[in-house]
Amino acid sequence: MSSRKSGPYSDNTSMDDDPLTDDDSKKNEDRIRQLERENREYESTVQDYLRQIITLQNSLKKSHGQECAELIKENLEEDVEHCTTDYNQVMATFAENKRDADKREAKQAETIKQLLSKIGLKDREIEKLRKLIPYEGYCQPNGAFLQQNM
């Protein structure tokens, strides 16, 4: 037990025996218990808020992730659409160029055929003319040039 040496209760009586001190002490203990209870409630509330914050953060991350995924998907779909359009344009141009090249090739083949036909005609004409030229003349059937004897 604690005792006082000076003050209004200096008769060395215990502070616990003092009715004012006992009331004050009881009030203080009740106040301490109440503050401890309030503190526990406050800590519990803080923990609840922290759980809610974490839940909201996770939810936000998920929704943000979904938003990002949707945005990425939209961008990819646009890119695919542009690539498809570009590919179709390239293929259309290629097909057009191939048709033009095929037409040119067909014209060239026809021109070559016509030229070969003309060459064949000229060769036949030359053969006819060679038959008319005597062998003692200037050329022989093998195309060799002969000089005339003078």
C-alpha atoms as a PDB file:
ATOM      1  CA  MET A   1       0.000   0.000   0.000  1.00  0.00           C
ATOM      2  CA  SER A   2       1.161   3.425  -0.734  1.00  0.00           C
ATOM      3  CA  SER A   3       1.177   6.092   1.891  1.00  0.00           C
ATOM      4  CA  ARG A   4       1.560   9.849   1.843  1.00  0.00           C
ATOM      5  CA  LYS A   5       4.040  11.826   3.821  1.00  0.00           C
ATOM      6  CA  SER A   6       2.691  15.279   3.150  1.00  0.00           C
ATOM      7  CA  GLY A   7      -0.492  16.954   2.060  1.00  0.00           C
ATOM      8  CA  PRO A   8      -4.024  16.931   3.422  1.00  0.00           C
ATOM      9  CA  TYR A   9      -3.830  13.197   4.133  1.00  0.00           C
ATOM     10  CA  SER A  10      -0.490  13.185   5.833  1.00  0.00           C
ATOM     11  CA  ASP A  11      -1.636  10.867   8.589  1.00  0.00           C
ATOM     12  CA  ASN A  12       0.041   8.029   6.765  1.00  0.00           C
ATOM     13  CA  THR A  13      -3.275   6.459   5.822  1.00  0.00           C
ATOM     14  CA  SER A  14      -3.458   4.541   2.618  1.00  0.00           C
ATOM     15  CA  MET A  15      -4.702   6.316  -0.463  1.00  0.00           C
ATOM     16  CA  ASP A  16      -6.997   3.342  -1.006  1.00  0.00           C
ATOM     17  CA  ASP A  17      -8.734   4.177   2.232  1.00  0.00           C
ATOM     18  CA  ASP A  18      -9.471   7.705   1.057  1.00  0.00           C
ATOM     19  CA  PRO A  19     -13.035   7.850  -0.344  1.00  0.00           C
ATOM     20  CA  LEU A  20     -12.180  10.647  -2.788  1.00  0.00           C
ATOM     21  CA  THR A  21      -9.178   8.837  -4.010  1.00  0.00           C
ATOM     22  CA  ASP A  22     -11.096   5.580  -4.392  1.00  0.00           C
ATOM     23  CA  ASP A  23     -13.798   7.321  -6.452  1.00  0.00           C
ATOM     24  CA  ASP A  24     -11.229   9.063  -8.585  1.00  0.00           C
ATOM     25  CA  SER A  25      -9.315   5.844  -8.993  1.00  0.00           C
ATOM     26  CA  LYS A  26     -12.461   3.924  -9.946  1.00  0.00           C
ATOM     27  CA  LYS A  27     -13.453   6.648 -12.402  1.00  0.00           C
ATOM     28  CA  ASN A  28      -9.990   6.625 -13.857  1.00  0.00           C
ATOM     29  CA  GLU A  29     -10.027   2.833 -14.173  1.00  0.00           C
ATOM     30  CA  ASP A  30     -13.471   2.969 -15.801  1.00  0.00           C
ATOM     31  CA  ARG A  31     -12.251   5.707 -18.098  1.00  0.00           C
ATOM     32  CA  ILE A  32      -9.165   3.655 -18.960  1.00  0.00           C
ATOM     33  CA  ARG A  33     -11.337   0.589 -19.700  1.00  0.00           C
ATOM     34  CA  GLN A  34     -13.648   2.730 -21.803  1.00  0.00           C
ATOM     35  CA  LEU A  35     -10.711   4.222 -23.712  1.00  0.00           C
ATOM     36  CA  GLU A  36      -9.227   0.751 -24.196  1.00  0.00           C
ATOM     37  CA  ARG A  37     -12.599  -0.470 -25.515  1.00  0.00           C
ATOM     38  CA  GLU A  38     -12.848   2.556 -27.812  1.00  0.00           C
ATOM     39  CA  ASN A  39      -9.272   1.971 -28.927  1.00  0.00           C
ATOM     40  CA  ARG A  40     -10.027  -1.700 -29.722  1.00  0.00           C
ATOM     41  CA  GLU A  41     -13.154  -0.624 -31.613  1.00  0.00           C
ATOM     42  CA  TYR A  42     -11.122   2.009 -33.426  1.00  0.00           C
ATOM     43  CA  GLU A  43      -8.427  -0.550 -34.297  1.00  0.00           C
ATOM     44  CA  SER A  44     -11.121  -2.960 -35.465  1.00  0.00           C
ATOM     45  CA  THR A  45     -12.667  -0.211 -37.589  1.00  0.00           C
ATOM     46  CA  VAL A  46      -9.244   0.658 -39.001  1.00  0.00           C
ATOM     47  CA  GLN A  47      -8.680  -3.024 -39.843  1.00  0.00           C
ATOM     48  CA  ASP A  48     -12.107  -3.154 -41.524  1.00  0.00           C
ATOM     49  CA  TYR A  49     -11.244  -0.049 -43.522  1.00  0.00           C
ATOM     50  CA  LEU A  50      -7.890  -1.548 -44.505  1.00  0.00           C
ATOM     51  CA  ARG A  51      -9.638  -4.751 -45.649  1.00  0.00           C
ATOM     52  CA  GLN A  52     -12.116  -2.656 -47.627  1.00  0.00           C
ATOM     53  CA  ILE A  53      -9.262  -0.653 -49.163  1.00  0.00           C
ATOM     54  CA  ILE A  54      -7.444  -3.851 -50.148  1.00  0.00           C
ATOM     55  CA  THR A  55     -10.671  -5.289 -51.564  1.00  0.00           C
ATOM     56  CA  LEU A  56     -11.275  -2.086 -53.518  1.00  0.00           C
ATOM     57  CA  GLN A  57      -7.668  -2.044 -54.740  1.00  0.00           C
ATOM     58  CA  ASN A  58      -7.962  -5.644 -55.913  1.00  0.00           C
ATOM     59  CA  SER A  59     -11.291  -4.875 -57.522  1.00  0.00           C
ATOM     60  CA  LEU A  60      -9.800  -1.790 -59.135  1.00  0.00           C
ATOM     61  CA  LYS A  61      -6.834  -3.819 -60.371  1.00  0.00           C
ATOM     62  CA  LYS A  62      -9.198  -6.410 -61.827  1.00  0.00           C
ATOM     63  CA  SER A  63     -11.447  -3.823 -63.431  1.00  0.00           C
ATOM     64  CA  HIS A  64      -8.413  -1.845 -64.607  1.00  0.00           C
ATOM     65  CA  GLY A  65      -6.956  -5.064 -65.976  1.00  0.00           C
ATOM     66  CA  GLN A  66     -10.233  -5.790 -67.733  1.00  0.00           C
ATOM     67  CA  GLU A  67     -10.349  -2.245 -69.102  1.00  0.00           C
ATOM     68  CA  CYS A  68      -6.760  -2.594 -70.310  1.00  0.00           C
ATOM     69  CA  ALA A  69      -7.520  -5.980 -71.843  1.00  0.00           C
ATOM     70  CA  GLU A  70     -10.576  -4.567 -73.609  1.00  0.00           C
ATOM     71  CA  LEU A  71      -8.584  -1.563 -74.832  1.00  0.00           C
ATOM     72  CA  ILE A  72      -5.786  -3.828 -76.060  1.00  0.00           C
ATOM     73  CA  LYS A  73      -8.351  -6.070 -77.750  1.00  0.00           C
ATOM     74  CA  GLU A  74      -9.957  -3.060 -79.468  1.00  0.00           C
ATOM     75  CA  ASN A  75      -6.543  -1.802 -80.614  1.00  0.00           C
ATOM     76  CA  LEU A  76      -5.613  -5.253 -81.898  1.00  0.00           C
ATOM     77  CA  GLU A  77      -8.930  -5.569 -83.724  1.00  0.00           C
ATOM     78  CA  GLU A  78      -8.317  -2.169 -85.352  1.00  0.00           C
ATOM     79  CA  ASP A  79      -4.779  -3.241 -86.288  1.00  0.00           C
ATOM     80  CA  VAL A  80      -6.100  -6.502 -87.746  1.00  0.00           C
ATOM     81  CA  GLU A  81      -8.722  -4.556 -89.686  1.00  0.00           C
ATOM     82  CA  HIS A  82      -6.074  -2.181 -91.076  1.00  0.00           C
ATOM     83  CA  CYS A  83      -3.760  -5.078 -91.893  1.00  0.00           C
ATOM     84  CA  THR A  84      -6.603  -6.948 -93.587  1.00  0.00           C
ATOM     85  CA  THR A  85      -7.510  -3.856 -95.602  1.00  0.00           C
ATOM     86  CA  ASP A  86      -3.866  -3.300 -96.550  1.00  0.00           C
ATOM     87  CA  TYR A  87      -3.470  -6.982 -97.435  1.00  0.00           C
ATOM     88  CA  ASN A  88      -6.601  -6.911 -99.587  1.00  0.00           C
ATOM     89  CA  GLN A  89      -5.355  -3.780-101.355  1.00  0.00           C
ATOM     90  CA  VAL A  90      -1.948  -5.363-101.957  1.00  0.00           C
ATOM     91  CA  MET A  91      -3.551  -8.557-103.254  1.00  0.00           C
ATOM     92  CA  ALA A  92      -5.893  -6.566-105.530  1.00  0.00           C
ATOM     93  CA  THR A  93      -2.938  -4.582-106.877  1.00  0.00           C
ATOM     94  CA  PHE A  94      -0.960  -7.801-107.296  1.00  0.00           C
ATOM     95  CA  ALA A  95      -3.844  -9.443-109.169  1.00  0.00           C
ATOM     96  CA  GLU A  96      -4.207  -6.377-111.391  1.00  0.00           C
ATOM     97  CA  ASN A  97      -0.459  -6.287-112.073  1.00  0.00           C
ATOM     98  CA  LYS A  98      -0.478 -10.030-112.782  1.00  0.00           C
ATOM     99  CA  ARG A  99      -3.348  -9.602-115.272  1.00  0.00           C
ATOM    100  CA  ASP A 100      -1.439  -6.765-116.944  1.00  0.00           C
ATOM    101  CA  ALA A 101       1.745  -8.860-117.000  1.00  0.00           C
ATOM    102  CA  ASP A 102      -0.171 -11.855-118.381  1.00  0.00           C
ATOM    103  CA  LYS A 103      -1.675  -9.618-121.089  1.00  0.00           C
ATOM    104  CA  ARG A 104       1.782  -8.233-121.959  1.00  0.00           C
ATOM    105  CA  GLU A 105       3.202 -11.745-121.981  1.00  0.00           C
ATOM    106  CA  ALA A 106       0.366 -12.941-124.220  1.00  0.00           C
ATOM    107  CA  LYS A 107       0.934  -9.966-126.558  1.00  0.00           C
ATOM    108  CA  GLN A 108       4.671 -10.672-126.584  1.00  0.00           C
ATOM    109  CA  ALA A 109       4.022 -14.354-127.269  1.00  0.00           C
ATOM    110  CA  GLU A 110       1.674 -13.379-130.096  1.00  0.00           C
ATOM    111  CA  THR A 111       4.235 -10.897-131.457  1.00  0.00           C
ATOM    112  CA  ILE A 112       6.966 -13.559-131.271  1.00  0.00           C
ATOM    113  CA  LYS A 113       4.664 -16.025-133.014  1.00  0.00           C
ATOM    114  CA  GLN A 114       3.911 -13.481-135.736  1.00  0.00           C
ATOM    115  CA  LEU A 115       7.607 -12.615-136.115  1.00  0.00           C
ATOM    116  CA  LEU A 116       8.542 -16.297-136.318  1.00  0.00           C
ATOM    117  CA  SER A 117       5.852 -16.742-138.937  1.00  0.00           C
ATOM    118  CA  LYS A 118       7.239 -13.769-140.905  1.00  0.00           C
ATOM    119  CA  ILE A 119      10.768 -15.131-140.533  1.00  0.00           C
ATOM    120  CA  GLY A 120       9.512 -18.470-141.804  1.00  0.00           C
ATOM    121  CA  LEU A 121       7.919 -16.732-144.792  1.00  0.00           C
ATOM    122  CA  LYS A 122      11.116 -14.791-145.486  1.00  0.00           C
ATOM    123  CA  ASP A 123      13.161 -17.996-145.193  1.00  0.00           C
ATOM    124  CA  ARG A 124      10.885 -19.671-147.762  1.00  0.00           C
ATOM    125  CA  GLU A 125      11.169 -16.633-150.038  1.00  0.00           C
ATOM    126  CA  ILE A 126      14.958 -16.722-149.685  1.00  0.00           C
ATOM    127  CA  GLU A 127      14.958 -20.431-150.514  1.00  0.00           C
ATOM    128  CA  LYS A 128      12.885 -19.753-153.618  1.00  0.00           C
ATOM    129  CA  LEU A 129      15.271 -16.986-154.642  1.00  0.00           C
ATOM    130  CA  ARG A 130      18.305 -19.209-154.059  1.00  0.00           C
ATOM    131  CA  LYS A 131      16.853 -21.789-156.342  1.00  0.00           C
ATOM    132  CA  LEU A 132      16.690 -19.138-159.016  1.00  0.00           C
ATOM    133  CA  ILE A 133      20.345 -18.125-158.662  1.00  0.00           C
ATOM    134  CA  PRO A 134      22.785 -20.443-160.453  1.00  0.00           C
ATOM    135  CA  TYR A 135      25.409 -22.131-158.320  1.00  0.00           C
ATOM    136  CA  GLU A 136      28.200 -20.686-160.386  1.00  0.00           C
ATOM    137  CA  GLY A 137      27.072 -17.289-159.268  1.00  0.00           C
ATOM    138  CA  TYR A 138      27.777 -15.559-156.123  1.00  0.00           C
ATOM    139  CA  CYS A 139      26.360 -17.872-153.455  1.00  0.00           C
ATOM    140  CA  GLN A 140      25.755 -21.514-152.777  1.00  0.00           C
ATOM    141  CA  PRO A 141      22.903 -23.176-150.875  1.00  0.00           C
ATOM    142  CA  ASN A 142      25.112 -23.340-147.782  1.00  0.00           C
ATOM    143  CA  GLY A 143      25.453 -19.524-147.908  1.00  0.00           C
ATOM    144  CA  ALA A 144      29.141 -19.467-148.852  1.00  0.00           C
ATOM    145  CA  PHE A 145      30.169 -16.624-151.134  1.00  0.00           C
ATOM    146  CA  LEU A 146      32.063 -17.533-154.264  1.00  0.00           C
ATOM    147  CA  GLN A 147      33.974 -15.237-156.510  1.00  0.00           C
ATOM    148  CA  GLN A 148      33.371 -15.431-160.206  1.00  0.00           C
ATOM    149  CA  ASN A 149      36.191 -16.626-162.307  1.00  0.00           C
ATOM    150  CA  MET A 150      37.250 -13.903-164.641  1.00  0.00           C
END
